[in-house]
Amino acid sequence: MKNRVTDAETNVDRPMQGQSPYTVNVSLQYDTEKSGWSSTVLFNMIGRRILYVGNDQVPPIWENPRPLLDFQVAKKVLQNKGEIKLNISDILNRHAKFYHDLNNNKKYDSADALAIDRVTGTNISLTFGYSF
């Protein structure tokens, strides 16, 4: 994905806002119909991207890449009419860092100005569904 915004008048040459140079999505699934058990592991990661476009006075704010790992396990019950699911999302619970890349080295380090440091936390849910 190599879309860029260029403007010779304003001397702008940057990636599009919100567009990552790469996306990684991996899904592993296991399903045993006979026993009613199923499980899924999901891994997602995107490359660094612009959160806010800067200007002459303020440099852009970049989003640092971070891995996301989710897990789900489910069990069919009540003659396959019911299902119990356990979901755990954002298991790694890494900080979402948004920063000004002051040294223009295309990664977050101590020379950069941290604008936002957010931890969303790991979410755990247990649900029950029933089909009539």
C-alpha atoms as a PDB file:
ATOM      1  CA  MET A   1       0.000   0.000   0.000  1.00  0.00           C
ATOM      2  CA  LYS A   2       1.939   2.963  -1.241  1.00  0.00           C
ATOM      3  CA  ASN A   3      -0.574   5.803  -1.621  1.00  0.00           C
ATOM      4  CA  ARG A   4       0.981   9.186  -0.850  1.00  0.00           C
ATOM      5  CA  VAL A   5      -0.120  12.786  -0.610  1.00  0.00           C
ATOM      6  CA  THR A   6       2.200  15.078  -2.573  1.00  0.00           C
ATOM      7  CA  ASP A   7       1.996  18.814  -3.149  1.00  0.00           C
ATOM      8  CA  ALA A   8       4.983  20.687  -4.602  1.00  0.00           C
ATOM      9  CA  GLU A   9       3.554  24.071  -3.553  1.00  0.00           C
ATOM     10  CA  THR A  10       3.478  23.239   0.141  1.00  0.00           C
ATOM     11  CA  ASN A  11       6.407  20.814  -0.004  1.00  0.00           C
ATOM     12  CA  VAL A  12       4.230  17.949   1.269  1.00  0.00           C
ATOM     13  CA  ASP A  13       5.166  14.329   0.634  1.00  0.00           C
ATOM     14  CA  ARG A  14       3.645  11.938   3.159  1.00  0.00           C
ATOM     15  CA  PRO A  15       1.499   8.809   3.410  1.00  0.00           C
ATOM     16  CA  MET A  16      -2.264   9.221   3.446  1.00  0.00           C
ATOM     17  CA  GLN A  17      -3.758   9.819   6.890  1.00  0.00           C
ATOM     18  CA  GLY A  18      -4.814   6.570   8.557  1.00  0.00           C
ATOM     19  CA  GLN A  19      -3.187   4.310   5.961  1.00  0.00           C
ATOM     20  CA  SER A  20      -0.681   1.726   7.144  1.00  0.00           C
ATOM     21  CA  PRO A  21       2.121   0.443   4.920  1.00  0.00           C
ATOM     22  CA  TYR A  22       1.264  -3.127   5.954  1.00  0.00           C
ATOM     23  CA  THR A  23      -1.403  -5.186   7.702  1.00  0.00           C
ATOM     24  CA  VAL A  24      -0.905  -8.621   9.247  1.00  0.00           C
ATOM     25  CA  ASN A  25      -3.926 -10.798  10.073  1.00  0.00           C
ATOM     26  CA  VAL A  26      -3.533 -14.409  11.199  1.00  0.00           C
ATOM     27  CA  SER A  27      -6.370 -16.663  12.322  1.00  0.00           C
ATOM     28  CA  LEU A  28      -6.093 -20.180  13.721  1.00  0.00           C
ATOM     29  CA  GLN A  29      -9.327 -22.101  14.235  1.00  0.00           C
ATOM     30  CA  TYR A  30     -10.097 -25.508  15.654  1.00  0.00           C
ATOM     31  CA  ASP A  31     -13.586 -26.996  15.589  1.00  0.00           C
ATOM     32  CA  THR A  32     -14.709 -30.436  16.729  1.00  0.00           C
ATOM     33  CA  GLU A  33     -18.306 -30.873  15.654  1.00  0.00           C
ATOM     34  CA  LYS A  34     -18.661 -34.167  17.490  1.00  0.00           C
ATOM     35  CA  SER A  35     -17.755 -32.779  20.917  1.00  0.00           C
ATOM     36  CA  GLY A  36     -19.178 -29.288  20.307  1.00  0.00           C
ATOM     37  CA  TRP A  37     -15.926 -27.470  21.164  1.00  0.00           C
ATOM     38  CA  SER A  38     -14.411 -24.745  19.003  1.00  0.00           C
ATOM     39  CA  SER A  39     -11.601 -22.264  19.519  1.00  0.00           C
ATOM     40  CA  THR A  40     -10.073 -19.365  17.636  1.00  0.00           C
ATOM     41  CA  VAL A  41      -6.856 -17.387  18.044  1.00  0.00           C
ATOM     42  CA  LEU A  42      -6.530 -14.095  16.140  1.00  0.00           C
ATOM     43  CA  PHE A  43      -3.415 -11.969  15.664  1.00  0.00           C
ATOM     44  CA  ASN A  44      -3.516  -8.514  14.066  1.00  0.00           C
ATOM     45  CA  MET A  45      -0.905  -5.832  13.533  1.00  0.00           C
ATOM     46  CA  ILE A  46      -0.707  -2.735  11.365  1.00  0.00           C
ATOM     47  CA  GLY A  47       2.234  -0.586  10.383  1.00  0.00           C
ATOM     48  CA  ARG A  48       2.689   2.933  11.703  1.00  0.00           C
ATOM     49  CA  ARG A  49       0.202   5.440  10.389  1.00  0.00           C
ATOM     50  CA  ILE A  50      -0.681   9.116  10.692  1.00  0.00           C
ATOM     51  CA  LEU A  51      -3.358   9.867  13.273  1.00  0.00           C
ATOM     52  CA  TYR A  52      -3.353  13.661  12.767  1.00  0.00           C
ATOM     53  CA  VAL A  53      -1.807  15.464   9.806  1.00  0.00           C
ATOM     54  CA  GLY A  54       0.620  18.195  10.862  1.00  0.00           C
ATOM     55  CA  ASN A  55       1.424  21.583   9.377  1.00  0.00           C
ATOM     56  CA  ASP A  56       4.357  24.028   9.268  1.00  0.00           C
ATOM     57  CA  GLN A  57       4.281  24.609  13.024  1.00  0.00           C
ATOM     58  CA  VAL A  58       3.149  21.218  14.363  1.00  0.00           C
ATOM     59  CA  PRO A  59       4.497  17.888  13.055  1.00  0.00           C
ATOM     60  CA  PRO A  60       2.071  15.036  12.392  1.00  0.00           C
ATOM     61  CA  ILE A  61       1.095  12.624  15.152  1.00  0.00           C
ATOM     62  CA  TRP A  62       1.942   9.024  14.288  1.00  0.00           C
ATOM     63  CA  GLU A  63       0.411   5.852  15.702  1.00  0.00           C
ATOM     64  CA  ASN A  64       3.045   3.332  16.741  1.00  0.00           C
ATOM     65  CA  PRO A  65       2.397  -0.272  15.617  1.00  0.00           C
ATOM     66  CA  ARG A  66       1.201  -2.658  18.330  1.00  0.00           C
ATOM     67  CA  PRO A  67       0.221  -6.310  18.214  1.00  0.00           C
ATOM     68  CA  LEU A  68      -3.303  -7.452  19.091  1.00  0.00           C
ATOM     69  CA  LEU A  69      -4.028 -11.018  20.196  1.00  0.00           C
ATOM     70  CA  ASP A  70      -7.572 -12.336  20.772  1.00  0.00           C
ATOM     71  CA  PHE A  71      -8.853 -15.753  21.858  1.00  0.00           C
ATOM     72  CA  GLN A  72     -12.270 -17.406  21.844  1.00  0.00           C
ATOM     73  CA  VAL A  73     -13.392 -20.813  23.051  1.00  0.00           C
ATOM     74  CA  ALA A  74     -16.968 -22.066  22.682  1.00  0.00           C
ATOM     75  CA  LYS A  75     -18.955 -25.147  23.669  1.00  0.00           C
ATOM     76  CA  LYS A  76     -22.281 -26.231  22.177  1.00  0.00           C
ATOM     77  CA  VAL A  77     -24.743 -27.389  24.850  1.00  0.00           C
ATOM     78  CA  LEU A  78     -28.392 -28.431  25.181  1.00  0.00           C
ATOM     79  CA  GLN A  79     -28.413 -30.609  22.052  1.00  0.00           C
ATOM     80  CA  ASN A  80     -26.569 -27.908  20.068  1.00  0.00           C
ATOM     81  CA  LYS A  81     -29.299 -25.314  20.724  1.00  0.00           C
ATOM     82  CA  GLY A  82     -27.202 -23.438  23.267  1.00  0.00           C
ATOM     83  CA  GLU A  83     -23.649 -22.166  23.170  1.00  0.00           C
ATOM     84  CA  ILE A  84     -21.341 -20.880  25.895  1.00  0.00           C
ATOM     85  CA  LYS A  85     -18.522 -18.592  24.687  1.00  0.00           C
ATOM     86  CA  LEU A  86     -15.482 -17.210  26.447  1.00  0.00           C
ATOM     87  CA  ASN A  87     -13.840 -14.265  24.655  1.00  0.00           C
ATOM     88  CA  ILE A  88     -10.560 -12.642  25.643  1.00  0.00           C
ATOM     89  CA  SER A  89      -9.557  -9.655  23.536  1.00  0.00           C
ATOM     90  CA  ASP A  90      -6.298  -7.688  23.520  1.00  0.00           C
ATOM     91  CA  ILE A  91      -4.491 -10.320  25.593  1.00  0.00           C
ATOM     92  CA  LEU A  92      -1.108  -8.612  25.179  1.00  0.00           C
ATOM     93  CA  ASN A  93      -2.546  -5.277  26.395  1.00  0.00           C
ATOM     94  CA  ARG A  94       0.252  -3.216  24.832  1.00  0.00           C
ATOM     95  CA  HIS A  95       0.287   0.557  25.111  1.00  0.00           C
ATOM     96  CA  ALA A  96      -1.118   2.455  22.134  1.00  0.00           C
ATOM     97  CA  LYS A  97       1.471   5.200  21.612  1.00  0.00           C
ATOM     98  CA  PHE A  98       0.840   8.270  19.468  1.00  0.00           C
ATOM     99  CA  TYR A  99       3.851  10.518  18.947  1.00  0.00           C
ATOM    100  CA  HIS A 100       5.573  13.297  17.020  1.00  0.00           C
ATOM    101  CA  ASP A 101       8.497  11.700  15.128  1.00  0.00           C
ATOM    102  CA  LEU A 102      10.897  14.556  15.850  1.00  0.00           C
ATOM    103  CA  ASN A 103      14.031  12.812  14.548  1.00  0.00           C
ATOM    104  CA  ASN A 104      12.208  11.420  11.452  1.00  0.00           C
ATOM    105  CA  ASN A 105      13.547   7.886  11.924  1.00  0.00           C
ATOM    106  CA  LYS A 106      10.096   6.323  11.319  1.00  0.00           C
ATOM    107  CA  LYS A 107       9.846   4.676  14.759  1.00  0.00           C
ATOM    108  CA  TYR A 108       9.013   5.704  18.296  1.00  0.00           C
ATOM    109  CA  ASP A 109      12.056   6.284  20.525  1.00  0.00           C
ATOM    110  CA  SER A 110      13.259   8.554  23.334  1.00  0.00           C
ATOM    111  CA  ALA A 111      13.974  11.477  20.958  1.00  0.00           C
ATOM    112  CA  ASP A 112      10.288  11.733  20.027  1.00  0.00           C
ATOM    113  CA  ALA A 113       7.499  13.646  21.783  1.00  0.00           C
ATOM    114  CA  LEU A 114       4.794  11.339  23.116  1.00  0.00           C
ATOM    115  CA  ALA A 115       1.358  12.885  22.481  1.00  0.00           C
ATOM    116  CA  ILE A 116      -0.948  10.105  23.720  1.00  0.00           C
ATOM    117  CA  ASP A 117      -0.198   6.924  25.687  1.00  0.00           C
ATOM    118  CA  ARG A 118      -3.306   4.793  26.062  1.00  0.00           C
ATOM    119  CA  VAL A 119      -3.901   1.350  27.532  1.00  0.00           C
ATOM    120  CA  THR A 120      -7.328  -0.046  26.705  1.00  0.00           C
ATOM    121  CA  GLY A 121      -6.976  -3.181  28.824  1.00  0.00           C
ATOM    122  CA  THR A 122      -7.820  -6.794  28.213  1.00  0.00           C
ATOM    123  CA  ASN A 123     -11.546  -7.535  27.846  1.00  0.00           C
ATOM    124  CA  ILE A 124     -12.980 -10.833  29.050  1.00  0.00           C
ATOM    125  CA  SER A 125     -16.560 -11.853  28.375  1.00  0.00           C
ATOM    126  CA  LEU A 126     -18.596 -14.981  28.963  1.00  0.00           C
ATOM    127  CA  THR A 127     -21.811 -15.281  26.977  1.00  0.00           C
ATOM    128  CA  PHE A 128     -24.606 -17.773  26.562  1.00  0.00           C
ATOM    129  CA  GLY A 129     -26.785 -17.976  23.480  1.00  0.00           C
ATOM    130  CA  TYR A 130     -29.807 -20.142  22.771  1.00  0.00           C
ATOM    131  CA  SER A 131     -31.503 -20.800  19.417  1.00  0.00           C
ATOM    132  CA  PHE A 132     -35.190 -21.746  19.381  1.00  0.00           C
END
